[in-house]
Amino acid sequence: YSTHIEGTKLTLAQSKKILTGKTVTGINKDDRQELLNYKEAMDFVSEYLGKKSDITENFF
């Protein structure tokens, strides 16, 4: 539900469908893109942390 902080209106069920590549109709395309951007950012952080790298100011 972190994307709700940004104002998206997607439900959990809609989010799950989008993240598994399914088409969801009747939603705001900006909300969909916000979710996909959020996932990409979380994947990046997870990959970075998996390398056991320190999070420094340069990371951000």
C-alpha atoms as a PDB file:
ATOM      1  CA  TYR A   1       0.000   0.000   0.000  1.00  0.00           C
ATOM      2  CA  SER A   2       2.988   2.314  -0.182  1.00  0.00           C
ATOM      3  CA  THR A   3       1.787   3.663  -3.505  1.00  0.00           C
ATOM      4  CA  HIS A   4      -1.361   4.971  -1.787  1.00  0.00           C
ATOM      5  CA  ILE A   5       0.875   7.553  -0.111  1.00  0.00           C
ATOM      6  CA  GLU A   6       1.508   8.876  -3.609  1.00  0.00           C
ATOM      7  CA  GLY A   7      -2.234   9.022  -4.249  1.00  0.00           C
ATOM      8  CA  THR A   8      -2.794   5.982  -6.451  1.00  0.00           C
ATOM      9  CA  LYS A   9      -6.240   4.438  -6.376  1.00  0.00           C
ATOM     10  CA  LEU A  10      -5.263   0.865  -7.255  1.00  0.00           C
ATOM     11  CA  THR A  11      -6.573  -1.921  -5.073  1.00  0.00           C
ATOM     12  CA  LEU A  12      -4.339  -4.726  -3.877  1.00  0.00           C
ATOM     13  CA  ALA A  13      -6.023  -7.110  -6.328  1.00  0.00           C
ATOM     14  CA  GLN A  14      -5.472  -4.715  -9.233  1.00  0.00           C
ATOM     15  CA  SER A  15      -1.846  -4.233  -8.221  1.00  0.00           C
ATOM     16  CA  LYS A  16      -1.229  -7.970  -8.100  1.00  0.00           C
ATOM     17  CA  LYS A  17      -2.702  -8.393 -11.577  1.00  0.00           C
ATOM     18  CA  ILE A  18      -0.585  -5.598 -13.016  1.00  0.00           C
ATOM     19  CA  LEU A  19       2.588  -6.945 -11.411  1.00  0.00           C
ATOM     20  CA  THR A  20       1.943 -10.382 -12.895  1.00  0.00           C
ATOM     21  CA  GLY A  21       1.530  -8.899 -16.377  1.00  0.00           C
ATOM     22  CA  LYS A  22      -2.245  -9.110 -16.613  1.00  0.00           C
ATOM     23  CA  THR A  23      -4.360  -6.365 -18.145  1.00  0.00           C
ATOM     24  CA  VAL A  24      -6.527  -4.353 -15.793  1.00  0.00           C
ATOM     25  CA  THR A  25      -9.184  -2.169 -17.380  1.00  0.00           C
ATOM     26  CA  GLY A  26     -10.796   0.946 -15.994  1.00  0.00           C
ATOM     27  CA  ILE A  27      -7.767   2.217 -14.102  1.00  0.00           C
ATOM     28  CA  ASN A  28      -5.792   5.417 -14.376  1.00  0.00           C
ATOM     29  CA  LYS A  29      -2.747   4.841 -16.581  1.00  0.00           C
ATOM     30  CA  ASP A  30      -0.657   7.086 -14.314  1.00  0.00           C
ATOM     31  CA  ASP A  31      -1.521   4.859 -11.329  1.00  0.00           C
ATOM     32  CA  ARG A  32      -0.400   1.817 -13.321  1.00  0.00           C
ATOM     33  CA  GLN A  33       2.875   3.481 -14.267  1.00  0.00           C
ATOM     34  CA  GLU A  34       3.453   4.609 -10.669  1.00  0.00           C
ATOM     35  CA  LEU A  35       3.130   1.001  -9.524  1.00  0.00           C
ATOM     36  CA  LEU A  36       5.520  -0.271 -12.188  1.00  0.00           C
ATOM     37  CA  ASN A  37       8.049   2.455 -11.343  1.00  0.00           C
ATOM     38  CA  TYR A  38       7.780   1.560  -7.651  1.00  0.00           C
ATOM     39  CA  LYS A  39       8.436  -2.107  -8.423  1.00  0.00           C
ATOM     40  CA  GLU A  40      11.440  -1.222 -10.569  1.00  0.00           C
ATOM     41  CA  ALA A  41      12.879   0.892  -7.750  1.00  0.00           C
ATOM     42  CA  MET A  42      12.324  -1.877  -5.185  1.00  0.00           C
ATOM     43  CA  ASP A  43      13.950  -4.439  -7.497  1.00  0.00           C
ATOM     44  CA  PHE A  44      16.952  -2.135  -7.912  1.00  0.00           C
ATOM     45  CA  VAL A  45      17.370  -1.696  -4.153  1.00  0.00           C
ATOM     46  CA  SER A  46      16.970  -5.434  -3.550  1.00  0.00           C
ATOM     47  CA  GLU A  47      19.611  -6.229  -6.155  1.00  0.00           C
ATOM     48  CA  TYR A  48      21.960  -3.598  -4.740  1.00  0.00           C
ATOM     49  CA  LEU A  49      21.572  -4.886  -1.191  1.00  0.00           C
ATOM     50  CA  GLY A  50      22.093  -8.440  -2.416  1.00  0.00           C
ATOM     51  CA  LYS A  51      25.599  -7.420  -3.397  1.00  0.00           C
ATOM     52  CA  LYS A  52      26.266  -6.552   0.251  1.00  0.00           C
ATOM     53  CA  SER A  53      27.151  -3.015  -0.758  1.00  0.00           C
ATOM     54  CA  ASP A  54      26.928  -0.153   1.684  1.00  0.00           C
ATOM     55  CA  ILE A  55      24.211   2.390   1.125  1.00  0.00           C
ATOM     56  CA  THR A  56      26.007   5.690   0.799  1.00  0.00           C
ATOM     57  CA  GLU A  57      25.031   9.183  -0.256  1.00  0.00           C
ATOM     58  CA  ASN A  58      26.190   8.318  -3.778  1.00  0.00           C
ATOM     59  CA  PHE A  59      23.641   5.497  -3.901  1.00  0.00           C
ATOM     60  CA  PHE A  60      20.866   8.062  -3.822  1.00  0.00           C
END
